[in-house]
Amino acid sequence: MLFSTLRKLDRTDRHIPEYDLQSLQKDNFLGPGAGSRFYDNRYIFCPIDIVEDGNLKLEDGWRLPFLAGRSEACGSGGFGKVTKEVIAARHYRSKGVLHSTEKSVARKLFKSKPDYERELFNLRVLRECDGQNARIVLPLATITIGSQFNILFPLAKMDLDRFLEGELLPPAKCDMNELLEELISLAGALAHLHSGLGYNIHGCHTDLKPANILVYMKQDTSPRPQIGKWMITDFGLSIISCVERRGSGDGLPMESVTETMTQLQRMRGPYQAPGVCHGLGISRSSDI
C-alpha cells in the first residue's frame, strides 16, 4: 500500500509531459495559480525532441524546439505555408543518435486536418512501397500539436522556379549534360510514381510544376559550378491508390479523381494540364 502511494506521488521531471491542467492545479500539487502557469510553460522544462521518421502527437500548449528569430518564409499555398526552421542542438534524433548541433529543416504547416491527412497518406504509401526512388522527397517527421499539423522535410537550396530565374547559376554556366541528367532523373521519379509503386498501385502527382521540384546541393568536391540534385515534392493533391481494375483516369479511382479535379480547377496556373482546364479529367498523362 505504501509503495503504491509513493508511486502515485512520483512527481519528478520525467512525468512532466503526462500532467494535465487538473492534476497540476490540485491543492496537494502546485495549486490553481502556479499550476496554470506551469501548464502554459511546460515546453521550457521539458522541450520536445524530434525523432526522424517519427509521428508525434501532443495536446495544445506544447511548442516545437525551433530557435526563435531563425524562421524564414519559403512559400505558401492553398494548403498552408512552408518555412525554414532551425531545430535547437540536442533536440533532433536520427537513427538513435541525438544530434549535438543545430539542424535546419523545412516545415510545412497545414491549414486543415483533411489536407494534412491526405498528404500524409500519400507520403506513407511512397515510403512503404516496394521500391524507393531517390528523387522523391520524403518527410523527416510528422508532428501534430492540438489542431496544428506539421510535416518536416529536408531543407532544399531552392525550387526549380527560382533556379530557372538564374538564382543559383546564370544560364551560361549551366552544363548541358548535367541538365539532361537531372531531367532524366526527374522522368525516372515520375515513372516510379506512375507505375513503380507496386502491383496494381497507380499514382499521379497532378500538380507537377517548377515550384514543386526542389533543388538540393550534392556533396560534390568538384570546383565546377553545380546545378544541384532535382527532386519532386508536394504530394498533397496526388492520387495514389490500389485498384483491382482499370477505370477513370488511367487506373485511378473515380472518387479521388473527382475530388482532386475540383481542387485543381480552383488553382489554375500556367502548368495546369489541359484536361483539368477543360474539365476532361485526370490521368497519368496529366503529369506530362
Protein backbone atom coordinates (compact mmCIF):
# COMPACT_ATOMS: atom_id res chain seq x y z
CA MET A 1 0.00 0.00 0.00
CA LEU A 2 2.80 2.41 0.93
CA PHE A 3 4.69 1.56 -2.28
CA SER A 4 1.54 2.20 -4.33
CA THR A 5 1.01 5.60 -2.69
CA LEU A 6 4.62 6.66 -3.27
CA ARG A 7 4.38 5.56 -6.88
CA LYS A 8 1.27 7.70 -7.44
CA LEU A 9 3.06 10.72 -5.95
CA ASP A 10 6.12 10.36 -8.20
CA ARG A 11 6.29 13.96 -9.41
CA THR A 12 9.75 14.02 -10.94
CA ASP A 13 10.54 15.84 -14.19
CA ARG A 14 10.22 12.69 -16.28
CA HIS A 15 6.45 12.86 -15.80
CA ILE A 16 6.04 16.47 -16.94
CA PRO A 17 4.59 15.50 -20.36
CA GLU A 18 1.89 13.43 -18.62
CA TYR A 19 0.50 16.11 -16.29
CA ASP A 20 -2.83 17.64 -17.23
CA LEU A 21 -4.07 21.02 -16.00
CA GLN A 22 -6.45 19.49 -13.46
CA SER A 23 -3.67 17.48 -11.79
CA LEU A 24 -1.28 20.44 -11.63
CA GLN A 25 -3.91 22.71 -10.05
CA LYS A 26 -4.67 20.36 -7.16
CA ASP A 27 -4.02 21.79 -3.69
CA ASN A 28 -1.63 18.95 -2.86
CA PHE A 29 0.41 19.69 -6.01
CA LEU A 30 1.03 23.24 -7.38
CA GLY A 31 -2.34 24.83 -6.69
CA PRO A 32 -4.63 26.79 -9.08
CA GLY A 33 -2.35 29.76 -9.88
CA ALA A 34 1.06 28.11 -10.09
CA GLY A 35 -0.44 25.02 -11.73
CA SER A 36 -1.92 27.08 -14.55
CA ARG A 37 1.33 28.99 -15.15
CA PHE A 38 3.39 25.80 -15.13
CA TYR A 39 0.98 24.14 -17.56
CA ASP A 40 1.39 27.04 -20.03
CA ASN A 41 5.19 26.84 -19.82
CA ARG A 42 5.81 23.07 -19.75
CA TYR A 43 7.76 23.24 -23.00
CA ILE A 44 10.51 25.23 -21.22
CA PHE A 45 11.12 22.49 -18.66
CA CYS A 46 10.57 19.56 -21.00
CA PRO A 47 11.36 20.52 -24.63
CA ILE A 48 10.17 18.25 -27.42
CA ASP A 49 12.69 16.00 -29.13
CA ILE A 50 12.04 15.38 -32.82
CA VAL A 51 12.76 11.81 -33.91
CA GLU A 52 13.47 11.08 -37.57
CA ASP A 53 10.65 9.05 -39.19
CA GLY A 54 8.56 9.70 -36.07
CA ASN A 55 4.88 10.64 -35.89
CA LEU A 56 4.47 12.75 -32.75
CA LYS A 57 1.04 13.72 -31.38
CA LEU A 58 0.71 16.17 -28.50
CA GLU A 59 -2.05 18.27 -26.97
CA ASP A 60 -2.25 22.06 -27.27
CA GLY A 61 0.31 24.10 -25.37
CA TRP A 62 3.50 22.38 -26.50
CA ARG A 63 5.99 24.07 -28.80
CA LEU A 64 8.41 22.70 -31.34
CA PRO A 65 12.13 23.08 -30.47
CA PHE A 66 12.77 25.73 -33.12
CA LEU A 67 15.18 28.56 -32.38
CA ALA A 68 13.44 31.92 -32.02
CA GLY A 69 14.21 34.52 -34.66
CA ARG A 70 15.58 31.97 -37.16
CA SER A 71 12.38 31.24 -39.08
CA GLU A 72 12.27 32.22 -42.77
CA ALA A 73 9.32 32.10 -45.16
CA CYS A 74 9.85 29.70 -48.07
CA GLY A 75 6.43 29.68 -49.70
CA SER A 76 2.69 29.41 -49.21
CA GLY A 77 -0.33 27.98 -50.97
CA GLY A 78 -3.90 26.87 -50.59
CA PHE A 79 -3.00 24.20 -48.05
CA GLY A 80 -0.73 26.20 -45.76
CA LYS A 81 2.77 27.65 -45.63
CA VAL A 82 6.35 26.41 -45.74
CA THR A 83 9.08 27.94 -43.58
CA LYS A 84 12.73 27.26 -42.88
CA GLU A 85 13.19 26.39 -39.20
CA VAL A 86 16.26 25.58 -37.12
CA ILE A 87 15.95 22.79 -34.56
CA ALA A 88 17.99 23.50 -31.43
CA ALA A 89 21.06 21.37 -30.76
CA ARG A 90 20.36 18.08 -28.97
CA HIS A 91 16.69 18.05 -29.91
CA TYR A 92 16.82 16.06 -33.15
CA ARG A 93 17.38 12.32 -33.11
CA SER A 94 18.32 10.34 -36.23
CA LYS A 95 18.88 6.56 -36.28
CA GLY A 96 19.04 6.56 -32.49
CA VAL A 97 21.69 9.28 -32.33
CA LEU A 98 20.99 12.70 -30.79
CA HIS A 99 22.43 15.48 -32.97
CA SER A 100 24.80 17.68 -30.99
CA THR A 101 24.43 20.56 -33.47
CA GLU A 102 21.55 22.62 -34.84
CA LYS A 103 19.58 21.19 -37.76
CA SER A 104 17.80 23.24 -40.43
CA VAL A 105 14.57 21.80 -41.84
CA ALA A 106 11.62 22.82 -43.99
CA ARG A 107 8.37 22.94 -42.05
CA LYS A 108 5.06 22.56 -43.87
CA LEU A 109 2.24 23.85 -41.65
CA PHE A 110 -1.25 22.91 -42.82
CA LYS A 111 -4.41 24.96 -42.50
CA SER A 112 -6.71 21.96 -42.17
CA LYS A 113 -6.61 18.40 -40.87
CA PRO A 114 -8.05 16.81 -44.08
CA ASP A 115 -5.30 18.40 -46.23
CA TYR A 116 -2.65 17.19 -43.77
CA GLU A 117 -4.06 13.67 -43.64
CA ARG A 118 -4.28 13.41 -47.40
CA GLU A 119 -0.65 14.35 -47.96
CA LEU A 120 0.44 12.18 -45.03
CA PHE A 121 -1.37 9.18 -46.54
CA ASN A 122 0.35 9.68 -49.90
CA LEU A 123 3.77 10.07 -48.30
CA ARG A 124 3.30 6.89 -46.28
CA VAL A 125 2.44 4.94 -49.42
CA LEU A 126 5.55 6.31 -51.12
CA ARG A 127 7.73 5.38 -48.14
CA GLU A 128 6.29 1.88 -47.76
CA CYS A 129 6.09 0.91 -51.44
CA ASP A 130 8.08 -1.98 -52.96
CA GLY A 131 10.94 0.25 -54.10
CA GLN A 132 12.19 3.76 -53.37
CA ASN A 133 13.23 6.47 -55.79
CA ALA A 134 15.98 8.83 -54.66
CA ARG A 135 14.37 11.79 -56.44
CA ILE A 136 11.15 11.82 -54.41
CA VAL A 137 11.24 13.96 -51.24
CA LEU A 138 10.08 12.05 -48.16
CA PRO A 139 9.42 13.62 -44.74
CA LEU A 140 11.80 13.67 -41.80
CA ALA A 141 8.96 13.63 -39.26
CA THR A 142 5.29 14.48 -38.75
CA ILE A 143 4.05 16.35 -35.69
CA THR A 144 0.55 17.21 -34.51
CA ILE A 145 0.11 19.66 -31.63
CA GLY A 146 -3.57 20.13 -30.90
CA SER A 147 -5.01 21.48 -34.15
CA GLN A 148 -1.58 22.35 -35.59
CA PHE A 149 -0.45 19.91 -38.28
CA ASN A 150 3.21 19.84 -39.33
CA ILE A 151 5.36 17.84 -41.72
CA LEU A 152 9.12 18.38 -41.59
CA PHE A 153 11.21 17.84 -44.73
CA PRO A 154 14.91 18.06 -45.61
CA LEU A 155 15.71 21.69 -46.41
CA ALA A 156 16.39 22.41 -50.09
CA LYS A 157 18.53 25.16 -51.57
CA MET A 158 15.62 26.46 -53.67
CA ASP A 159 12.89 25.30 -56.03
CA LEU A 160 13.23 24.88 -59.78
CA ASP A 161 11.24 28.06 -60.36
CA ARG A 162 13.99 30.13 -58.75
CA PHE A 163 16.68 28.05 -60.44
CA LEU A 164 15.19 28.84 -63.87
CA GLU A 165 15.34 32.53 -62.96
CA GLY A 166 19.11 32.19 -62.51
CA GLU A 167 19.25 32.44 -58.71
CA LEU A 168 21.73 29.56 -58.37
CA LEU A 169 23.72 29.90 -61.60
CA PRO A 170 23.46 32.12 -64.67
CA PRO A 171 22.26 30.07 -67.69
CA ALA A 172 25.65 30.36 -69.41
CA LYS A 173 27.32 28.45 -66.56
CA CYS A 174 24.89 25.53 -66.57
CA ASP A 175 26.38 22.38 -68.07
CA MET A 176 24.02 20.88 -70.67
CA ASN A 177 24.99 17.29 -69.81
CA GLU A 178 24.16 17.89 -66.14
CA LEU A 179 20.83 19.47 -67.06
CA LEU A 180 19.94 16.43 -69.16
CA GLU A 181 20.97 14.09 -66.33
CA GLU A 182 18.65 15.90 -63.91
CA LEU A 183 15.75 15.86 -66.38
CA ILE A 184 16.24 12.12 -66.92
CA SER A 185 16.27 11.59 -63.15
CA LEU A 186 13.01 13.52 -62.79
CA ALA A 187 11.45 11.45 -65.57
CA GLY A 188 12.55 8.33 -63.69
CA ALA A 189 10.94 9.59 -60.48
CA LEU A 190 7.71 10.30 -62.34
CA ALA A 191 7.74 6.84 -63.93
CA HIS A 192 8.24 5.37 -60.46
CA LEU A 193 5.23 7.30 -59.16
CA HIS A 194 3.08 6.23 -62.11
CA SER A 195 3.92 2.55 -62.30
CA GLY A 196 6.69 1.56 -59.89
CA LEU A 197 4.95 1.61 -56.51
CA GLY A 198 3.80 -2.00 -56.57
CA TYR A 199 1.30 -4.39 -58.10
CA ASN A 200 -1.92 -2.59 -59.13
CA ILE A 201 -0.87 0.64 -57.39
CA HIS A 202 -1.40 3.66 -59.61
CA GLY A 203 -0.01 7.11 -58.86
CA CYS A 204 -0.45 10.56 -60.34
CA HIS A 205 1.13 13.75 -58.97
CA THR A 206 -1.48 16.08 -60.62
CA ASP A 207 0.33 19.29 -59.58
CA LEU A 208 3.77 18.96 -61.14
CA LYS A 209 5.40 22.34 -61.80
CA PRO A 210 8.78 24.02 -61.19
CA ALA A 211 7.68 25.24 -57.74
CA ASN A 212 7.13 21.59 -56.72
CA ILE A 213 10.57 20.45 -57.84
CA LEU A 214 13.26 21.16 -55.25
CA VAL A 215 16.98 21.68 -55.82
CA TYR A 216 19.29 20.07 -53.26
CA MET A 217 23.03 20.61 -53.34
CA LYS A 218 25.13 17.49 -53.92
CA GLN A 219 28.09 16.53 -51.74
CA ASP A 220 30.45 17.30 -54.61
CA THR A 221 34.04 18.42 -54.10
CA SER A 222 34.45 19.41 -57.74
CA PRO A 223 35.40 23.10 -58.23
CA ARG A 224 32.98 23.44 -61.16
CA PRO A 225 29.58 25.09 -60.59
CA GLN A 226 26.83 22.56 -59.92
CA ILE A 227 23.15 22.67 -60.77
CA GLY A 228 22.16 20.54 -57.78
CA LYS A 229 20.03 17.44 -57.39
CA TRP A 230 16.42 17.89 -58.51
CA MET A 231 13.65 16.14 -56.55
CA ILE A 232 9.84 16.01 -56.73
CA THR A 233 7.85 17.21 -53.72
CA ASP A 234 4.33 18.28 -52.65
CA PHE A 235 2.05 15.26 -52.89
CA GLY A 236 -0.95 16.97 -51.30
CA LEU A 237 -3.07 16.68 -54.45
CA SER A 238 -1.60 13.41 -55.65
CA ILE A 239 -3.76 10.35 -56.23
CA ILE A 240 -2.13 7.11 -55.11
CA SER A 241 -4.43 4.11 -54.89
CA CYS A 242 -4.54 0.34 -55.22
CA VAL A 243 -7.27 -0.64 -57.70
CA GLU A 244 -8.39 -4.04 -58.94
CA ARG A 245 -9.42 -2.90 -62.36
CA ARG A 246 -8.75 -0.05 -64.70
CA GLY A 247 -11.23 2.77 -64.66
CA SER A 248 -11.31 6.54 -64.65
CA GLY A 249 -8.05 8.42 -65.01
CA ASP A 250 -5.95 5.58 -66.44
CA GLY A 251 -6.43 3.28 -63.46
CA LEU A 252 -7.11 5.98 -60.87
CA PRO A 253 -10.23 5.69 -58.66
CA MET A 254 -13.16 7.85 -59.75
CA GLU A 255 -13.82 9.42 -56.32
CA SER A 256 -10.21 10.56 -55.91
CA VAL A 257 -10.12 11.98 -59.44
CA THR A 258 -13.35 13.92 -58.91
CA GLU A 259 -12.18 15.41 -55.60
CA THR A 260 -8.77 16.37 -56.99
CA MET A 261 -10.28 17.86 -60.15
CA THR A 262 -12.44 20.16 -58.02
CA GLN A 263 -9.41 21.38 -56.06
CA LEU A 264 -7.17 21.81 -59.10
CA GLN A 265 -9.77 23.84 -61.00
CA ARG A 266 -9.62 26.41 -58.18
CA MET A 267 -5.83 26.63 -58.61
CA ARG A 268 -5.44 27.49 -62.29
CA GLY A 269 -1.93 28.27 -63.48
CA PRO A 270 0.40 28.06 -66.48
CA TYR A 271 1.45 24.48 -65.68
CA GLN A 272 -2.01 23.03 -65.26
CA ALA A 273 -2.80 20.11 -67.59
CA PRO A 274 -5.21 20.97 -70.46
CA GLY A 275 -7.52 18.17 -69.37
CA VAL A 276 -8.00 19.82 -65.98
CA CYS A 277 -8.61 23.25 -67.53
CA HIS A 278 -11.36 21.82 -69.76
CA GLY A 279 -12.86 19.52 -67.15
CA LEU A 280 -11.90 16.37 -69.06
CA GLY A 281 -10.43 14.51 -66.10
CA ILE A 282 -7.04 13.46 -64.74
CA SER A 283 -4.74 10.69 -65.85
CA ARG A 284 -1.05 9.97 -65.54
CA SER A 285 -0.56 11.85 -68.80
CA SER A 286 -1.67 14.99 -66.90
CA ASP A 287 1.76 15.00 -65.25
CA ILE A 288 3.47 15.10 -68.63
